[in-house]
Amino acid sequence: MGELFVIIISSMLVSNVVLSQFLGICPFLGVSKKVETAVGMGAAVTFVITIASAITYPIYYFILEPTGLAYLETIAFILIIAALVQFIEMVLKKFMPALHASLGVYLPLITTNCAVLGVALNNVTDYAGESFGIGFLYSVVRGLFTALGFLVAITIMASIRERNEHNDVPKSFQGTPIVLVTASLMAIAFCGFAGLV
């Protein structure tokens, strides 16, 4: 149980996929203009990373590794992630058309989100010595809490960006520069907080 707690805290806070590993920066910066859109993207990424972690781990250990095809892990994982993203896109288009429209091009880009692929690849390598049951559990828990860390970070960023729209920002910092400065300060503050944990 102690190891699960360490995985949860590490995945969500200490090794936050966006703020300390700098994976998934594109959707983090691109979709964080409004809180509701950021939460929608964070929820979609959470679903994809969690399910991808649950699917890729057994595929690697029961299909790719025993057949000597482990070198195809990246291609196989990308195909799995692409299928999950297509499923999410169809569901959002059918049941939440406003969210689907607001996410725009960023929803299909989850397929190429390096955070999703990075978590799947890290799970396979980091839990290689564990028994399948323990490794699978750790993989799914790590995927879920890494994704929740992404959700928290993108929601905070969107809140700050919405607030910055009403602030008196110097002309040279308006637009992209203030977003990059804000993201940098968030990463510094987050890493400082992670150092205290």
C-alpha atoms as a PDB file:
ATOM      1  CA  MET A   1       0.000   0.000   0.000  1.00  0.00           C
ATOM      2  CA  GLY A   2       2.905   2.323   0.710  1.00  0.00           C
ATOM      3  CA  GLU A   3       4.251   1.853  -2.809  1.00  0.00           C
ATOM      4  CA  LEU A   4       0.872   2.797  -4.292  1.00  0.00           C
ATOM      5  CA  PHE A   5       0.841   5.999  -2.232  1.00  0.00           C
ATOM      6  CA  VAL A   6       4.343   6.858  -3.487  1.00  0.00           C
ATOM      7  CA  ILE A   7       3.236   6.210  -7.079  1.00  0.00           C
ATOM      8  CA  ILE A   8       0.165   8.431  -6.607  1.00  0.00           C
ATOM      9  CA  ILE A   9       2.072  11.372  -5.100  1.00  0.00           C
ATOM     10  CA  SER A  10       4.970  11.004  -7.516  1.00  0.00           C
ATOM     11  CA  SER A  11       2.781  10.748 -10.623  1.00  0.00           C
ATOM     12  CA  MET A  12       0.429  13.576  -9.757  1.00  0.00           C
ATOM     13  CA  LEU A  13       2.674  16.077  -8.031  1.00  0.00           C
ATOM     14  CA  VAL A  14       6.406  15.382  -7.912  1.00  0.00           C
ATOM     15  CA  SER A  15       6.865  14.148 -11.487  1.00  0.00           C
ATOM     16  CA  ASN A  16       3.955  16.027 -13.016  1.00  0.00           C
ATOM     17  CA  VAL A  17       3.964  15.081 -16.673  1.00  0.00           C
ATOM     18  CA  VAL A  18       3.543  18.672 -17.890  1.00  0.00           C
ATOM     19  CA  LEU A  19       5.323  20.794 -15.324  1.00  0.00           C
ATOM     20  CA  SER A  20       8.379  18.680 -14.543  1.00  0.00           C
ATOM     21  CA  GLN A  21       8.730  16.336 -17.530  1.00  0.00           C
ATOM     22  CA  PHE A  22       7.431  18.868 -20.102  1.00  0.00           C
ATOM     23  CA  LEU A  23       5.381  16.231 -21.939  1.00  0.00           C
ATOM     24  CA  GLY A  24       2.047  17.304 -23.391  1.00  0.00           C
ATOM     25  CA  ILE A  25       2.960  20.969 -23.667  1.00  0.00           C
ATOM     26  CA  CYS A  26       1.088  21.479 -26.971  1.00  0.00           C
ATOM     27  CA  PRO A  27      -2.430  20.811 -25.644  1.00  0.00           C
ATOM     28  CA  PHE A  28      -1.447  22.371 -22.307  1.00  0.00           C
ATOM     29  CA  LEU A  29      -0.737  25.716 -23.981  1.00  0.00           C
ATOM     30  CA  GLY A  30      -3.251  25.413 -26.807  1.00  0.00           C
ATOM     31  CA  VAL A  31      -6.407  24.423 -24.920  1.00  0.00           C
ATOM     32  CA  SER A  32      -5.911  26.317 -21.682  1.00  0.00           C
ATOM     33  CA  LYS A  33      -7.671  29.535 -22.758  1.00  0.00           C
ATOM     34  CA  LYS A  34     -10.927  28.703 -20.954  1.00  0.00           C
ATOM     35  CA  VAL A  35     -11.471  26.560 -17.860  1.00  0.00           C
ATOM     36  CA  GLU A  36     -14.353  24.534 -19.287  1.00  0.00           C
ATOM     37  CA  THR A  37     -12.356  23.633 -22.393  1.00  0.00           C
ATOM     38  CA  ALA A  38      -9.291  22.793 -20.286  1.00  0.00           C
ATOM     39  CA  VAL A  39     -11.340  20.534 -18.021  1.00  0.00           C
ATOM     40  CA  GLY A  40     -12.817  18.796 -21.066  1.00  0.00           C
ATOM     41  CA  MET A  41      -9.374  18.215 -22.557  1.00  0.00           C
ATOM     42  CA  GLY A  42      -8.032  17.091 -19.191  1.00  0.00           C
ATOM     43  CA  ALA A  43     -10.894  14.617 -18.814  1.00  0.00           C
ATOM     44  CA  ALA A  44     -10.308  13.249 -22.324  1.00  0.00           C
ATOM     45  CA  VAL A  45      -6.569  12.904 -21.669  1.00  0.00           C
ATOM     46  CA  THR A  46      -7.318  11.244 -18.313  1.00  0.00           C
ATOM     47  CA  PHE A  47      -9.535   8.684 -19.994  1.00  0.00           C
ATOM     48  CA  VAL A  48      -7.029   7.986 -22.776  1.00  0.00           C
ATOM     49  CA  ILE A  49      -3.959   7.710 -20.520  1.00  0.00           C
ATOM     50  CA  THR A  50      -5.735   5.468 -17.981  1.00  0.00           C
ATOM     51  CA  ILE A  51      -7.220   3.117 -20.566  1.00  0.00           C
ATOM     52  CA  ALA A  52      -4.013   3.129 -22.620  1.00  0.00           C
ATOM     53  CA  SER A  53      -2.057   2.152 -19.496  1.00  0.00           C
ATOM     54  CA  ALA A  54      -4.492  -0.695 -18.833  1.00  0.00           C
ATOM     55  CA  ILE A  55      -4.357  -1.970 -22.420  1.00  0.00           C
ATOM     56  CA  THR A  56      -0.715  -1.478 -23.408  1.00  0.00           C
ATOM     57  CA  TYR A  57       0.787  -3.215 -20.381  1.00  0.00           C
ATOM     58  CA  PRO A  58      -0.815  -6.637 -21.027  1.00  0.00           C
ATOM     59  CA  ILE A  59      -0.328  -6.323 -24.798  1.00  0.00           C
ATOM     60  CA  TYR A  60       3.376  -5.795 -24.244  1.00  0.00           C
ATOM     61  CA  TYR A  61       3.815  -8.666 -21.773  1.00  0.00           C
ATOM     62  CA  PHE A  62       1.467 -11.212 -23.370  1.00  0.00           C
ATOM     63  CA  ILE A  63       1.911 -10.490 -27.082  1.00  0.00           C
ATOM     64  CA  LEU A  64       4.937  -8.357 -27.958  1.00  0.00           C
ATOM     65  CA  GLU A  65       7.536  -9.697 -25.515  1.00  0.00           C
ATOM     66  CA  PRO A  66       6.804 -13.451 -25.828  1.00  0.00           C
ATOM     67  CA  THR A  67       6.777 -13.281 -29.631  1.00  0.00           C
ATOM     68  CA  GLY A  68      10.018 -11.321 -29.811  1.00  0.00           C
ATOM     69  CA  LEU A  69       8.268  -8.230 -31.175  1.00  0.00           C
ATOM     70  CA  ALA A  70       9.008  -5.924 -28.238  1.00  0.00           C
ATOM     71  CA  TYR A  71      10.805  -3.562 -30.613  1.00  0.00           C
ATOM     72  CA  LEU A  72       7.369  -2.742 -32.110  1.00  0.00           C
ATOM     73  CA  GLU A  73       6.068  -1.351 -28.806  1.00  0.00           C
ATOM     74  CA  THR A  74       5.995   2.267 -29.979  1.00  0.00           C
ATOM     75  CA  ILE A  75       4.022   1.475 -33.137  1.00  0.00           C
ATOM     76  CA  ALA A  76       1.613  -0.808 -31.271  1.00  0.00           C
ATOM     77  CA  PHE A  77       1.054   1.745 -28.514  1.00  0.00           C
ATOM     78  CA  ILE A  78       0.405   4.544 -31.019  1.00  0.00           C
ATOM     79  CA  LEU A  79      -2.217   2.390 -32.760  1.00  0.00           C
ATOM     80  CA  ILE A  80      -3.933   1.660 -29.437  1.00  0.00           C
ATOM     81  CA  ILE A  81      -3.898   5.330 -28.439  1.00  0.00           C
ATOM     82  CA  ALA A  82      -5.218   6.398 -31.857  1.00  0.00           C
ATOM     83  CA  ALA A  83      -8.127   3.954 -31.557  1.00  0.00           C
ATOM     84  CA  LEU A  84      -8.984   5.268 -28.070  1.00  0.00           C
ATOM     85  CA  VAL A  85      -8.898   8.877 -29.262  1.00  0.00           C
ATOM     86  CA  GLN A  86     -11.186   8.053 -32.192  1.00  0.00           C
ATOM     87  CA  PHE A  87     -13.615   6.444 -29.757  1.00  0.00           C
ATOM     88  CA  ILE A  88     -13.593   9.548 -27.526  1.00  0.00           C
ATOM     89  CA  GLU A  89     -14.066  11.833 -30.508  1.00  0.00           C
ATOM     90  CA  MET A  90     -17.121   9.865 -31.670  1.00  0.00           C
ATOM     91  CA  VAL A  91     -18.642   9.903 -28.162  1.00  0.00           C
ATOM     92  CA  LEU A  92     -18.054  13.645 -27.687  1.00  0.00           C
ATOM     93  CA  LYS A  93     -19.400  14.450 -31.146  1.00  0.00           C
ATOM     94  CA  LYS A  94     -22.561  12.474 -30.416  1.00  0.00           C
ATOM     95  CA  PHE A  95     -23.252  13.415 -26.779  1.00  0.00           C
ATOM     96  CA  MET A  96     -21.362  16.705 -26.185  1.00  0.00           C
ATOM     97  CA  PRO A  97     -21.170  18.609 -29.486  1.00  0.00           C
ATOM     98  CA  ALA A  98     -20.334  21.936 -27.818  1.00  0.00           C
ATOM     99  CA  LEU A  99     -17.294  20.460 -26.049  1.00  0.00           C
ATOM    100  CA  HIS A 100     -16.301  18.638 -29.248  1.00  0.00           C
ATOM    101  CA  ALA A 101     -16.406  21.924 -31.174  1.00  0.00           C
ATOM    102  CA  SER A 102     -14.501  23.849 -28.497  1.00  0.00           C
ATOM    103  CA  LEU A 103     -11.708  21.251 -28.349  1.00  0.00           C
ATOM    104  CA  GLY A 104     -11.378  21.515 -32.121  1.00  0.00           C
ATOM    105  CA  VAL A 105      -8.171  20.175 -33.593  1.00  0.00           C
ATOM    106  CA  TYR A 106      -6.659  19.449 -30.174  1.00  0.00           C
ATOM    107  CA  LEU A 107      -8.850  16.401 -29.597  1.00  0.00           C
ATOM    108  CA  PRO A 108      -7.386  14.358 -32.482  1.00  0.00           C
ATOM    109  CA  LEU A 109      -3.960  15.612 -31.422  1.00  0.00           C
ATOM    110  CA  ILE A 110      -4.239  13.554 -28.227  1.00  0.00           C
ATOM    111  CA  THR A 111      -3.100  10.728 -30.492  1.00  0.00           C
ATOM    112  CA  THR A 112       0.245  12.468 -30.883  1.00  0.00           C
ATOM    113  CA  ASN A 113       0.349  13.793 -27.313  1.00  0.00           C
ATOM    114  CA  CYS A 114       3.746  12.693 -26.103  1.00  0.00           C
ATOM    115  CA  ALA A 115       2.438  12.456 -22.526  1.00  0.00           C
ATOM    116  CA  VAL A 116       0.066   9.619 -23.425  1.00  0.00           C
ATOM    117  CA  LEU A 117       2.732   7.622 -25.255  1.00  0.00           C
ATOM    118  CA  GLY A 118       5.377   8.499 -22.664  1.00  0.00           C
ATOM    119  CA  VAL A 119       3.307   7.159 -19.771  1.00  0.00           C
ATOM    120  CA  ALA A 120       2.553   3.912 -21.637  1.00  0.00           C
ATOM    121  CA  LEU A 121       6.233   3.387 -22.506  1.00  0.00           C
ATOM    122  CA  ASN A 122       7.441   4.289 -19.004  1.00  0.00           C
ATOM    123  CA  ASN A 123       4.965   1.880 -17.408  1.00  0.00           C
ATOM    124  CA  VAL A 124       6.286  -1.007 -19.467  1.00  0.00           C
ATOM    125  CA  THR A 125       9.919  -0.305 -18.656  1.00  0.00           C
ATOM    126  CA  ASP A 126       9.559   0.815 -15.033  1.00  0.00           C
ATOM    127  CA  TYR A 127       7.523  -2.188 -13.902  1.00  0.00           C
ATOM    128  CA  ALA A 128       9.353  -4.833 -15.940  1.00  0.00           C
ATOM    129  CA  GLY A 129      10.630  -6.721 -12.871  1.00  0.00           C
ATOM    130  CA  GLU A 130       7.251  -6.912 -11.145  1.00  0.00           C
ATOM    131  CA  SER A 131       4.825  -9.818 -11.400  1.00  0.00           C
ATOM    132  CA  PHE A 132       2.096  -9.165 -13.954  1.00  0.00           C
ATOM    133  CA  GLY A 133      -0.630  -8.454 -11.377  1.00  0.00           C
ATOM    134  CA  ILE A 134       1.436  -5.957  -9.397  1.00  0.00           C
ATOM    135  CA  GLY A 135       2.918  -4.385 -12.537  1.00  0.00           C
ATOM    136  CA  PHE A 136      -0.523  -4.037 -14.107  1.00  0.00           C
ATOM    137  CA  LEU A 137      -1.944  -2.421 -10.952  1.00  0.00           C
ATOM    138  CA  TYR A 138       0.992  -0.007 -10.700  1.00  0.00           C
ATOM    139  CA  SER A 139       0.677   0.787 -14.401  1.00  0.00           C
ATOM    140  CA  VAL A 140      -3.020   1.666 -14.183  1.00  0.00           C
ATOM    141  CA  VAL A 141      -2.604   3.664 -10.948  1.00  0.00           C
ATOM    142  CA  ARG A 142       0.340   5.563 -12.406  1.00  0.00           C
ATOM    143  CA  GLY A 143      -1.593   6.255 -15.616  1.00  0.00           C
ATOM    144  CA  LEU A 144      -4.652   7.522 -13.748  1.00  0.00           C
ATOM    145  CA  PHE A 145      -2.771   9.828 -11.377  1.00  0.00           C
ATOM    146  CA  THR A 146      -0.403  11.102 -14.050  1.00  0.00           C
ATOM    147  CA  ALA A 147      -3.463  12.063 -16.066  1.00  0.00           C
ATOM    148  CA  LEU A 148      -5.100  13.676 -13.027  1.00  0.00           C
ATOM    149  CA  GLY A 149      -1.899  15.682 -12.565  1.00  0.00           C
ATOM    150  CA  PHE A 150      -2.268  16.851 -16.178  1.00  0.00           C
ATOM    151  CA  LEU A 151      -5.910  17.757 -15.485  1.00  0.00           C
ATOM    152  CA  VAL A 152      -4.968  19.779 -12.400  1.00  0.00           C
ATOM    153  CA  ALA A 153      -2.141  21.590 -14.211  1.00  0.00           C
ATOM    154  CA  ILE A 154      -4.199  22.491 -17.300  1.00  0.00           C
ATOM    155  CA  THR A 155      -7.130  23.661 -15.140  1.00  0.00           C
ATOM    156  CA  ILE A 156      -4.873  25.905 -13.040  1.00  0.00           C
ATOM    157  CA  MET A 157      -3.278  27.278 -16.207  1.00  0.00           C
ATOM    158  CA  ALA A 158      -6.702  28.021 -17.731  1.00  0.00           C
ATOM    159  CA  SER A 159      -7.803  29.777 -14.530  1.00  0.00           C
ATOM    160  CA  ILE A 160      -4.720  31.968 -14.582  1.00  0.00           C
ATOM    161  CA  ARG A 161      -5.147  32.737 -18.288  1.00  0.00           C
ATOM    162  CA  GLU A 162      -8.797  33.723 -17.830  1.00  0.00           C
ATOM    163  CA  ARG A 163      -7.789  36.011 -14.996  1.00  0.00           C
ATOM    164  CA  ASN A 164      -4.953  37.530 -17.046  1.00  0.00           C
ATOM    165  CA  GLU A 165      -7.473  38.642 -19.685  1.00  0.00           C
ATOM    166  CA  HIS A 166      -8.826  41.178 -17.190  1.00  0.00           C
ATOM    167  CA  ASN A 167      -5.439  42.362 -15.933  1.00  0.00           C
ATOM    168  CA  ASP A 168      -3.439  45.263 -17.239  1.00  0.00           C
ATOM    169  CA  VAL A 169      -0.692  43.374 -19.049  1.00  0.00           C
ATOM    170  CA  PRO A 170       2.003  45.432 -20.850  1.00  0.00           C
ATOM    171  CA  LYS A 171       1.562  45.364 -24.629  1.00  0.00           C
ATOM    172  CA  SER A 172       4.832  43.490 -25.205  1.00  0.00           C
ATOM    173  CA  PHE A 173       3.629  40.662 -22.948  1.00  0.00           C
ATOM    174  CA  GLN A 174       0.082  40.303 -24.292  1.00  0.00           C
ATOM    175  CA  GLY A 175      -0.865  37.032 -25.954  1.00  0.00           C
ATOM    176  CA  THR A 176       1.677  34.240 -26.199  1.00  0.00           C
ATOM    177  CA  PRO A 177       4.480  35.875 -24.139  1.00  0.00           C
ATOM    178  CA  ILE A 178       2.380  36.124 -20.964  1.00  0.00           C
ATOM    179  CA  VAL A 179       1.208  32.534 -21.466  1.00  0.00           C
ATOM    180  CA  LEU A 180       4.806  31.303 -21.680  1.00  0.00           C
ATOM    181  CA  VAL A 181       5.858  33.369 -18.661  1.00  0.00           C
ATOM    182  CA  THR A 182       2.878  32.018 -16.705  1.00  0.00           C
ATOM    183  CA  ALA A 183       3.682  28.423 -17.683  1.00  0.00           C
ATOM    184  CA  SER A 184       7.323  28.921 -16.675  1.00  0.00           C
ATOM    185  CA  LEU A 185       6.362  30.356 -13.308  1.00  0.00           C
ATOM    186  CA  MET A 186       3.900  27.501 -12.750  1.00  0.00           C
ATOM    187  CA  ALA A 187       6.638  24.966 -13.494  1.00  0.00           C
ATOM    188  CA  ILE A 188       9.063  26.696 -11.123  1.00  0.00           C
ATOM    189  CA  ALA A 189       6.450  26.913  -8.347  1.00  0.00           C
ATOM    190  CA  PHE A 190       5.340  23.335  -8.906  1.00  0.00           C
ATOM    191  CA  CYS A 191       8.902  21.990  -8.839  1.00  0.00           C
ATOM    192  CA  GLY A 192       9.540  23.981  -5.670  1.00  0.00           C
ATOM    193  CA  PHE A 193       6.433  22.470  -4.095  1.00  0.00           C
ATOM    194  CA  ALA A 194       7.450  19.006  -5.285  1.00  0.00           C
ATOM    195  CA  GLY A 195      10.835  19.515  -3.633  1.00  0.00           C
ATOM    196  CA  LEU A 196       9.096  20.045  -0.305  1.00  0.00           C
ATOM    197  CA  VAL A 197       7.086  16.816  -0.588  1.00  0.00           C
END
